[in-house]
């Protein structure tokens, strides 16, 4: 989280040691989202508040932020899933609290985010393809995905900070166009310098049952059953508001993957 005081940005973190380890060299304010008094003190005087915390904390954040502060919050397109879970329900609750608050600002709902330091989406997928001779895909990988590169998420946050909206607004941010999951994994393999993956269409039920084995097989990244089930639903979204309201044109999947794996290739 961060607060903006005029032209000065102040990071608000829960763990000062972890923040220091990132090496930014900017002193933070320490506050926990569950500690209302500490959060009020941390946000005192802020003109803008950016929260990268889970959207379930939105009501607490609204209650602690100065009345006139503009809010930029992160949600998730998980709210659209056909299989509701704690994560998605938390996003729905946070969005409802924000829209009912009347506060000025934007809640951004990103699709699958990749390219950030430590992310476990495309890098974990590449690790799986390195280990498995054949990659089993539910429904043959026909379902659609629309990943967004971390740089575009950052640009969206900055654009939302500058947008002169009055009242609360929510919008999806995502990659420029949806692709099938099969196309996605092939693009990841190419960017990671791997051979074109061999795939096998497998019913989701057996894959979900076998997912537990990834927790105990050495060298194989953990895959959760719920993740496999979500591969059965299309995750394609209209990003017209992202383009029109925020003025952003997201980078292509190919360009984003090239940036993601550039460090691995020594470039």
Foldseek 3Di string as FASTA:
>chain_A
DWFAQPPDIAAEEQDQVVVVVVPPPGHHQHDDLVDLVSLLVRQPRGQEDEDADELLSQLSNCVNHPQNHEYEYEYAPLLVDPDDDPSNVSSVVSVVSQQVVQHHFEYEHEFAEDQDVPDCDLVLLLLQQVVDLEAEAEVQQAAKGFAAYPVVVVLLSVLRNPFPGGTYYYDYDTHQWIDGRLVVSQLSCVLQVHDRHHYDHDHLVVVQVCLVVQVPDPSRDRDHSVVRVRSVHHDTDDCVCVCPRSVDHTDHSNVSSNSSCVVVVVD
